[in-house]
Amino acid sequence: MAVISPHLKQTNAGYSYSGDLSDPLVDAPAHLLDGAIDIANYAASHAADVDCVGGFPAKEFERLAEAGFLIAPLHSDRGGSGLGFQSKRIGITLQILKQIGRGNLSLGRVYEGHVNALQLVQTFGSLPQVRKFAQDARDRKIFGVWNAEAEDGVKLLPAGEGRYRLTGSKTFCSGCGYVERPFVNGTLPDGGWQMFIVPMEQASVKVDPDWWQPPGMKASASYKVDFTGVELTAGDLIGQPGDYFRQPWLTAGVIRFAAVQLGGAEALFDATRIYLQNMGRIDHPHQQARLGKMAIALEQGHLWLQGGAAQVERYAPVFGGLPGKSQTDPAQLVGYANMVRTAIEQICIDMMQLAERCIGTRGLLPPHPMERIIRDLTLYLRQPAFDIALTGVGEHVLVQTEPARELWS
């Protein structure tokens, strides 16, 4: 059984944290939120410049690196801030992701993948791997999670002497050409689903940018990548087969991309107000009613993120770990995360419809930012397995016997 990260030990049930939980730096990442707001403002002002197939917010990532956001997902004892990993910092992680999404949804999508990948490394990686990849983050390498695939999905074939050869492709590889440490899954000959990281500067892959011809999220560079012929060592493999699917953490991670999406809704809210103010339409009762609905919806989204963060913190000290002393049912965390995702998707849909009614045709034409934000958000909302998420909530609550007031406490 693999030895994993320095503060996690593996058991038959999963992983438990053994580090210092009385971390005096719990509030240290607060300054990062101010930095995220500044970077989001810069990203919003330059979003139109990269809104094309082949575009990418590279300058924005340089600013993220300068401000310490590439190392921020590392545990605080490795020089980071524990964003997305230490549970007491999930709340501020979601606020930061929301702000980055407000600036540019493509930027938020790729940065959320960076946070996700480093959480997986720290949860399932061996101590040498955690040290190695933490140094890569300090060296400003961008991580990502490339998991989607079609019929020609990635297979991991043993090649002898502890080496493996890859065949097949991944789709929607966001940040392609900029992500240097993609976290990838491949199928083993026995059907197991194995995680690994590909050091891209050492790999020869075939990139198909023409595969990516979307109406929105153009600057995310979500190309198709063929890994056929790439060879890996056992040191590139992360965790055990099937670890990626461990619950409640696989589903709990949806609150991160929901936070980025809510950032898009916040951008719509601000753009709509500015438009109406500039047009002198702030006194119209119908516009006031629509803005009232938008304000309510946005605040509901904020509260859902707070609730999701509280559920994660209550469940375990680190994201991916075993429950702490105040153990709750893992199905409760899964159910709540699915509610967050479902509710925020509907909030974003409602915000787009209300914004469109407020601004009319003129505001939906480029170069008005509303047109791009709606395109990006519409595409980004199409995350997989929406119906499963919704029915999963119903399945959970239907078997519970406690009163409604106690379902999520």
Protein backbone atom coordinates (compact mmCIF):
# COMPACT_ATOMS: atom_id res chain seq x y z
CA MET A 1 0.00 0.00 0.00
CA ALA A 2 1.40 3.37 -1.02
CA VAL A 3 2.70 5.89 1.49
CA ILE A 4 0.94 9.16 0.83
CA SER A 5 1.41 12.78 1.71
CA PRO A 6 3.23 13.79 4.89
CA HIS A 7 0.14 14.48 6.99
CA LEU A 8 -2.12 11.76 5.60
CA LYS A 9 -2.10 8.06 6.34
CA GLN A 10 -4.01 5.49 4.34
CA THR A 11 -6.46 3.03 5.89
CA ASN A 12 -8.93 0.62 4.36
CA ALA A 13 -11.54 3.36 4.48
CA GLY A 14 -9.54 6.22 3.06
CA TYR A 15 -7.16 8.83 4.40
CA SER A 16 -6.77 10.55 7.76
CA TYR A 17 -4.85 13.68 8.69
CA SER A 18 -2.02 13.51 11.23
CA GLY A 19 -0.63 17.04 11.08
CA ASP A 20 -1.06 20.03 13.34
CA LEU A 21 -4.70 21.07 13.18
CA SER A 22 -4.19 24.11 15.44
CA ASP A 23 -2.70 26.01 12.52
CA PRO A 24 -2.06 29.63 13.56
CA LEU A 25 -2.13 30.70 9.91
CA VAL A 26 -5.79 29.86 9.36
CA ASP A 27 -6.58 33.47 8.45
CA ALA A 28 -3.36 34.05 6.50
CA PRO A 29 -4.92 33.64 3.03
CA ALA A 30 -7.26 36.59 3.62
CA HIS A 31 -4.81 38.91 1.85
CA LEU A 32 -5.09 36.68 -1.21
CA LEU A 33 -8.70 37.68 -1.66
CA ASP A 34 -7.67 41.30 -2.20
CA GLY A 35 -5.11 40.09 -4.71
CA ALA A 36 -7.72 37.99 -6.48
CA ILE A 37 -10.01 41.01 -6.79
CA ASP A 38 -7.21 43.08 -8.34
CA ILE A 39 -6.31 40.31 -10.80
CA ALA A 40 -9.98 39.81 -11.63
CA ASN A 41 -10.32 43.50 -12.44
CA TYR A 42 -7.31 43.28 -14.74
CA ALA A 43 -8.61 40.08 -16.34
CA ALA A 44 -12.03 41.64 -16.99
CA SER A 45 -10.47 44.63 -18.72
CA HIS A 46 -8.42 42.35 -21.01
CA ALA A 47 -10.87 39.48 -21.50
CA ALA A 48 -11.92 40.62 -24.97
CA ASP A 49 -8.28 40.55 -26.11
CA VAL A 50 -8.01 36.77 -25.57
CA ASP A 51 -11.58 35.86 -26.55
CA CYS A 52 -10.61 33.76 -29.56
CA VAL A 53 -9.64 30.18 -30.34
CA GLY A 54 -5.92 30.10 -29.65
CA GLY A 55 -6.18 32.85 -27.07
CA PHE A 56 -5.22 32.34 -23.45
CA PRO A 57 -5.01 34.64 -20.41
CA ALA A 58 -1.23 34.18 -20.11
CA LYS A 59 -0.57 37.63 -18.64
CA GLU A 60 -3.23 36.98 -16.04
CA PHE A 61 -1.50 33.76 -15.02
CA GLU A 62 1.75 35.67 -14.72
CA ARG A 63 -0.02 37.96 -12.26
CA LEU A 64 -1.41 34.96 -10.40
CA ALA A 65 2.11 33.58 -10.10
CA GLU A 66 3.54 36.91 -8.94
CA ALA A 67 0.86 37.16 -6.26
CA GLY A 68 1.53 33.64 -4.96
CA PHE A 69 -1.59 31.93 -6.27
CA LEU A 70 0.27 29.03 -7.91
CA ILE A 71 1.69 27.95 -4.55
CA ALA A 72 -1.38 28.94 -2.54
CA PRO A 73 -3.00 25.45 -2.83
CA LEU A 74 0.00 23.89 -1.05
CA HIS A 75 -0.38 23.11 2.64
CA SER A 76 0.84 25.93 4.86
CA ASP A 77 3.76 23.77 6.07
CA ARG A 78 5.01 23.67 2.48
CA GLY A 79 4.93 27.39 1.96
CA GLY A 80 1.41 27.63 0.64
CA SER A 81 -1.92 28.77 2.09
CA GLY A 82 -3.82 25.50 1.94
CA LEU A 83 -6.38 26.80 -0.57
CA GLY A 84 -8.63 23.95 -1.64
CA PHE A 85 -6.87 21.50 0.71
CA GLN A 86 -7.08 22.59 4.34
CA SER A 87 -10.77 22.54 5.16
CA LYS A 88 -10.75 25.71 7.25
CA ARG A 89 -9.69 27.52 4.09
CA ILE A 90 -12.33 26.17 1.74
CA GLY A 91 -14.54 29.18 2.36
CA ILE A 92 -11.94 31.71 1.27
CA THR A 93 -10.89 29.38 -1.57
CA LEU A 94 -14.41 29.60 -2.98
CA GLN A 95 -14.44 33.39 -2.62
CA ILE A 96 -11.13 33.60 -4.50
CA LEU A 97 -12.34 31.28 -7.26
CA LYS A 98 -15.51 33.33 -7.58
CA GLN A 99 -13.56 36.55 -8.00
CA ILE A 100 -11.21 35.06 -10.59
CA GLY A 101 -14.25 33.74 -12.47
CA ARG A 102 -15.76 37.22 -12.31
CA GLY A 103 -12.73 38.52 -14.15
CA ASN A 104 -12.62 35.86 -16.84
CA LEU A 105 -14.37 32.49 -16.74
CA SER A 106 -11.63 30.87 -18.85
CA LEU A 107 -9.02 32.06 -16.35
CA GLY A 108 -11.16 30.76 -13.50
CA ARG A 109 -11.64 27.40 -15.20
CA VAL A 110 -7.92 26.79 -15.61
CA TYR A 111 -6.98 28.08 -12.16
CA GLU A 112 -9.64 25.87 -10.55
CA GLY A 113 -7.98 22.92 -12.30
CA HIS A 114 -4.65 23.97 -10.79
CA VAL A 115 -6.20 24.01 -7.31
CA ASN A 116 -7.87 20.64 -7.92
CA ALA A 117 -4.67 18.98 -9.17
CA LEU A 118 -2.58 20.09 -6.20
CA GLN A 119 -5.30 18.91 -3.83
CA LEU A 120 -5.16 15.47 -5.47
CA VAL A 121 -1.37 15.38 -5.31
CA GLN A 122 -1.35 16.23 -1.62
CA THR A 123 -4.10 13.72 -0.86
CA PHE A 124 -2.88 10.72 -2.84
CA GLY A 125 0.77 11.39 -3.63
CA SER A 126 3.71 9.81 -1.83
CA LEU A 127 5.94 12.02 0.29
CA PRO A 128 8.61 12.29 -2.46
CA GLN A 129 5.90 13.14 -5.00
CA VAL A 130 4.42 15.83 -2.78
CA ARG A 131 7.86 17.36 -2.33
CA LYS A 132 8.59 17.17 -6.05
CA PHE A 133 5.34 18.68 -7.23
CA ALA A 134 5.34 21.31 -4.50
CA GLN A 135 8.68 22.45 -5.90
CA ASP A 136 7.16 22.51 -9.40
CA ALA A 137 4.43 24.81 -8.09
CA ARG A 138 7.10 27.03 -6.51
CA ASP A 139 8.80 27.04 -9.91
CA ARG A 140 5.54 28.49 -11.29
CA LYS A 141 4.43 25.44 -13.23
CA ILE A 142 0.69 25.33 -13.87
CA PHE A 143 -1.16 22.14 -12.94
CA GLY A 144 -4.48 20.96 -14.35
CA VAL A 145 -6.89 18.03 -14.41
CA TRP A 146 -7.50 16.49 -17.84
CA ASN A 147 -10.04 13.77 -17.26
CA ALA A 148 -12.63 13.92 -20.07
CA GLU A 149 -12.34 11.53 -22.98
CA ALA A 150 -14.29 9.96 -25.82
CA GLU A 151 -14.08 6.52 -27.44
CA ASP A 152 -10.32 6.84 -27.92
CA GLY A 153 -9.65 7.38 -24.23
CA VAL A 154 -6.25 7.00 -22.57
CA LYS A 155 -4.95 3.54 -21.68
CA LEU A 156 -1.98 2.84 -19.44
CA LEU A 157 0.00 -0.20 -20.60
CA PRO A 158 2.83 -1.77 -18.54
CA ALA A 159 6.08 -1.69 -20.53
CA GLY A 160 8.32 -3.57 -18.10
CA GLU A 161 10.89 -2.44 -15.53
CA GLY A 162 8.40 -0.17 -13.80
CA ARG A 163 7.57 1.79 -16.93
CA TYR A 164 4.25 2.43 -18.65
CA ARG A 165 3.28 3.43 -22.17
CA LEU A 166 0.22 5.52 -22.97
CA THR A 167 -2.22 5.23 -25.84
CA GLY A 168 -5.29 7.33 -26.58
CA SER A 169 -6.52 10.88 -26.07
CA LYS A 170 -8.12 13.28 -23.62
CA THR A 171 -10.62 15.96 -24.59
CA PHE A 172 -11.38 19.38 -23.06
CA CYS A 173 -7.74 19.71 -21.95
CA SER A 174 -8.10 23.22 -20.57
CA GLY A 175 -4.95 25.30 -20.55
CA CYS A 176 -3.29 23.16 -23.20
CA GLY A 177 0.08 24.62 -24.10
CA TYR A 178 0.33 26.35 -20.72
CA VAL A 179 -0.48 23.60 -18.23
CA GLU A 180 2.86 21.86 -17.66
CA ARG A 181 1.72 19.29 -15.09
CA PRO A 182 -1.63 17.84 -16.18
CA PHE A 183 -3.22 15.37 -13.80
CA VAL A 184 -4.54 12.59 -16.05
CA ASN A 185 -6.39 9.29 -15.58
CA GLY A 186 -5.95 6.21 -17.73
CA THR A 187 -7.40 2.71 -17.86
CA LEU A 188 -5.14 -0.17 -16.80
CA PRO A 189 -5.37 -3.58 -18.53
CA ASP A 190 -7.50 -4.89 -15.62
CA GLY A 191 -9.92 -1.98 -15.98
CA GLY A 192 -8.59 0.05 -13.07
CA TRP A 193 -8.63 3.85 -13.33
CA GLN A 194 -5.14 5.09 -12.53
CA MET A 195 -4.08 8.67 -11.84
CA PHE A 196 -0.77 10.05 -13.07
CA ILE A 197 0.94 13.32 -13.91
CA VAL A 198 2.56 13.90 -17.29
CA PRO A 199 5.63 16.18 -17.27
CA MET A 200 4.79 17.90 -20.53
CA GLU A 201 8.30 19.15 -21.31
CA GLN A 202 9.41 15.50 -21.42
CA ALA A 203 6.46 14.22 -23.42
CA SER A 204 5.75 14.24 -27.13
CA VAL A 205 2.00 14.63 -27.57
CA LYS A 206 -0.23 15.44 -30.51
CA VAL A 207 -2.44 18.46 -29.89
CA ASP A 208 -5.56 19.06 -31.97
CA PRO A 209 -6.59 22.72 -31.53
CA ASP A 210 -9.11 22.43 -34.37
CA TRP A 211 -11.15 20.10 -32.16
CA TRP A 212 -11.96 23.13 -29.98
CA GLN A 213 -14.42 25.34 -31.88
CA PRO A 214 -16.77 26.53 -29.13
CA PRO A 215 -19.15 29.50 -28.97
CA GLY A 216 -17.80 30.38 -25.52
CA MET A 217 -14.82 29.73 -23.21
CA LYS A 218 -12.57 30.15 -26.24
CA ALA A 219 -9.64 31.41 -24.18
CA SER A 220 -9.56 28.26 -22.04
CA ALA A 221 -7.58 26.47 -24.79
CA SER A 222 -9.47 23.24 -24.10
CA TYR A 223 -7.95 21.19 -26.90
CA LYS A 224 -7.82 17.47 -27.60
CA VAL A 225 -4.49 15.85 -26.69
CA ASP A 226 -3.27 12.47 -27.97
CA PHE A 227 -0.85 10.90 -25.47
CA THR A 228 -0.04 7.87 -27.61
CA GLY A 229 3.59 6.89 -27.25
CA VAL A 230 4.26 8.82 -24.03
CA GLU A 231 6.17 6.75 -21.49
CA LEU A 232 5.94 7.16 -17.73
CA THR A 233 7.67 5.69 -14.72
CA ALA A 234 6.05 4.32 -11.59
CA GLY A 235 7.02 7.62 -9.93
CA ASP A 236 4.59 9.43 -12.21
CA LEU A 237 1.63 7.36 -10.98
CA ILE A 238 -0.43 8.93 -8.19
CA GLY A 239 -2.20 6.82 -5.57
CA GLN A 240 -3.96 3.53 -6.17
CA PRO A 241 -6.35 2.57 -9.00
CA GLY A 242 -9.79 3.95 -8.27
CA ASP A 243 -8.65 6.59 -5.77
CA TYR A 244 -9.92 9.35 -8.05
CA PHE A 245 -13.50 8.15 -7.51
CA ARG A 246 -13.36 8.16 -3.71
CA GLN A 247 -16.43 9.73 -2.19
CA PRO A 248 -17.49 12.09 -0.80
CA TRP A 249 -14.55 13.99 -2.26
CA LEU A 250 -15.11 13.35 -5.96
CA THR A 251 -18.53 14.99 -5.76
CA ALA A 252 -17.61 17.54 -3.10
CA GLY A 253 -15.18 19.10 -5.57
CA VAL A 254 -18.06 20.46 -7.65
CA ILE A 255 -18.38 23.38 -5.26
CA ARG A 256 -15.12 24.76 -6.72
CA PHE A 257 -16.34 25.08 -10.30
CA ALA A 258 -19.70 26.28 -9.02
CA ALA A 259 -17.85 29.14 -7.32
CA VAL A 260 -16.16 30.09 -10.60
CA GLN A 261 -19.53 29.99 -12.37
CA LEU A 262 -21.07 32.22 -9.73
CA GLY A 263 -18.28 34.67 -10.49
CA GLY A 264 -19.64 34.85 -14.03
CA ALA A 265 -23.07 35.63 -12.62
CA GLU A 266 -21.56 38.40 -10.50
CA ALA A 267 -19.91 39.85 -13.59
CA LEU A 268 -23.30 39.85 -15.34
CA PHE A 269 -24.90 41.61 -12.37
CA ASP A 270 -22.28 44.36 -12.39
CA ALA A 271 -22.34 44.75 -16.18
CA THR A 272 -26.14 45.03 -16.18
CA ARG A 273 -26.14 47.75 -13.53
CA ILE A 274 -23.45 49.73 -15.32
CA TYR A 275 -25.35 49.46 -18.60
CA LEU A 276 -28.61 50.70 -17.07
CA GLN A 277 -26.84 53.49 -15.22
CA ASN A 278 -25.15 54.66 -18.41
CA MET A 279 -28.45 54.53 -20.29
CA GLY A 280 -30.26 56.47 -17.58
CA ARG A 281 -32.76 53.68 -16.92
CA ILE A 282 -32.36 53.26 -13.17
CA ASP A 283 -35.79 54.75 -12.41
CA HIS A 284 -37.79 52.29 -14.52
CA PRO A 285 -39.86 50.01 -12.24
CA HIS A 286 -39.46 46.92 -14.45
CA GLN A 287 -35.70 47.34 -14.47
CA GLN A 288 -35.72 47.82 -10.72
CA ALA A 289 -37.74 44.64 -10.28
CA ARG A 290 -35.33 42.64 -12.48
CA LEU A 291 -32.29 43.99 -10.64
CA GLY A 292 -33.97 43.11 -7.37
CA LYS A 293 -34.36 39.52 -8.54
CA MET A 294 -30.75 39.45 -9.68
CA ALA A 295 -29.52 40.75 -6.33
CA ILE A 296 -31.52 38.09 -4.49
CA ALA A 297 -30.21 35.33 -6.77
CA LEU A 298 -26.60 36.43 -6.37
CA GLU A 299 -26.88 36.52 -2.59
CA GLN A 300 -28.42 33.05 -2.62
CA GLY A 301 -25.35 31.85 -4.51
CA HIS A 302 -23.05 33.37 -1.89
CA LEU A 303 -24.97 31.60 0.85
CA TRP A 304 -24.78 28.28 -0.99
CA LEU A 305 -21.00 28.60 -1.18
CA GLN A 306 -20.83 29.36 2.53
CA GLY A 307 -22.97 26.32 3.25
CA GLY A 308 -20.80 24.10 1.06
CA ALA A 309 -17.63 25.29 2.78
CA ALA A 310 -19.18 24.65 6.20
CA GLN A 311 -20.10 21.09 5.20
CA VAL A 312 -16.54 20.36 4.07
CA GLU A 313 -15.03 21.85 7.22
CA ARG A 314 -17.42 19.87 9.41
CA TYR A 315 -16.61 16.61 7.65
CA ALA A 316 -12.79 16.45 7.71
CA PRO A 317 -9.73 18.60 8.50
CA VAL A 318 -8.37 18.30 4.96
CA PHE A 319 -10.14 17.97 1.63
CA GLY A 320 -9.78 14.30 0.73
CA GLY A 321 -9.22 13.06 4.28
CA LEU A 322 -11.14 10.84 6.62
CA PRO A 323 -13.81 12.41 8.85
CA GLY A 324 -12.74 14.13 12.03
CA LYS A 325 -14.27 13.68 15.46
CA SER A 326 -17.47 15.44 14.42
CA GLN A 327 -18.02 12.83 11.74
CA THR A 328 -21.01 13.25 9.48
CA ASP A 329 -22.46 10.91 6.92
CA PRO A 330 -20.41 11.13 3.67
CA ALA A 331 -23.69 10.95 1.76
CA GLN A 332 -24.66 14.22 3.45
CA LEU A 333 -21.61 16.01 2.01
CA VAL A 334 -22.26 14.50 -1.42
CA GLY A 335 -25.91 15.54 -1.29
CA TYR A 336 -25.13 19.06 -0.16
CA ALA A 337 -22.44 19.54 -2.82
CA ASN A 338 -24.92 18.40 -5.45
CA MET A 339 -27.42 20.95 -4.13
CA VAL A 340 -24.78 23.69 -4.36
CA ARG A 341 -24.01 22.77 -7.94
CA THR A 342 -27.65 22.51 -8.97
CA ALA A 343 -28.73 25.71 -7.24
CA ILE A 344 -25.86 27.79 -8.62
CA GLU A 345 -26.45 26.52 -12.14
CA GLN A 346 -30.07 27.68 -11.92
CA ILE A 347 -28.98 30.99 -10.41
CA CYS A 348 -26.64 31.56 -13.36
CA ILE A 349 -29.36 30.66 -15.86
CA ASP A 350 -31.78 33.06 -14.17
CA MET A 351 -29.15 35.80 -14.09
CA MET A 352 -28.49 35.45 -17.81
CA GLN A 353 -32.20 35.63 -18.67
CA LEU A 354 -32.77 38.66 -16.46
CA ALA A 355 -29.67 40.42 -17.80
CA GLU A 356 -30.79 39.82 -21.39
CA ARG A 357 -34.20 41.31 -20.65
CA CYS A 358 -32.62 44.32 -18.98
CA ILE A 359 -30.21 45.25 -21.73
CA GLY A 360 -32.03 44.13 -24.89
CA THR A 361 -30.38 43.47 -28.23
CA ARG A 362 -27.92 46.36 -28.14
CA GLY A 363 -26.17 45.04 -25.04
CA LEU A 364 -25.89 41.55 -26.54
CA LEU A 365 -23.70 42.69 -29.41
CA PRO A 366 -19.92 42.76 -29.21
CA PRO A 367 -17.88 44.52 -27.99
CA HIS A 368 -20.21 44.80 -24.99
CA PRO A 369 -18.79 42.44 -22.31
CA MET A 370 -22.24 41.02 -21.60
CA GLU A 371 -22.20 39.15 -24.91
CA ARG A 372 -18.94 37.35 -24.09
CA ILE A 373 -19.85 36.61 -20.48
CA ILE A 374 -23.14 35.00 -21.51
CA ARG A 375 -21.40 32.87 -24.16
CA ASP A 376 -18.73 31.74 -21.70
CA LEU A 377 -21.13 31.05 -18.86
CA THR A 378 -23.59 29.16 -21.07
CA LEU A 379 -20.85 26.75 -22.15
CA TYR A 380 -19.23 26.45 -18.72
CA LEU A 381 -22.53 25.51 -17.09
CA ARG A 382 -22.73 22.38 -19.19
CA GLN A 383 -20.90 20.20 -16.71
CA PRO A 384 -21.56 16.44 -16.98
CA ALA A 385 -24.09 14.35 -15.05
CA PHE A 386 -26.45 17.16 -14.07
CA ASP A 387 -29.46 14.82 -13.78
CA ILE A 388 -27.50 12.40 -11.62
CA ALA A 389 -26.55 15.24 -9.29
CA LEU A 390 -30.16 16.33 -8.91
CA THR A 391 -31.61 12.86 -8.42
CA GLY A 392 -28.79 12.11 -5.98
CA VAL A 393 -30.09 14.86 -3.73
CA GLY A 394 -33.58 13.37 -3.86
CA GLU A 395 -32.25 9.88 -3.24
CA HIS A 396 -30.41 11.07 -0.13
CA VAL A 397 -33.28 12.99 1.45
CA LEU A 398 -35.86 10.29 0.71
CA VAL A 399 -34.13 7.75 2.93
CA GLN A 400 -33.61 10.16 5.84
CA THR A 401 -36.04 10.07 8.77
CA GLU A 402 -35.00 13.17 10.73
CA PRO A 403 -37.00 16.39 10.31
CA ALA A 404 -36.00 18.81 7.58
CA ARG A 405 -34.33 21.19 10.03
CA GLU A 406 -31.76 18.50 10.86
CA LEU A 407 -30.99 17.18 7.37
CA TRP A 408 -27.79 19.16 6.87
CA SER A 409 -26.73 19.88 10.44
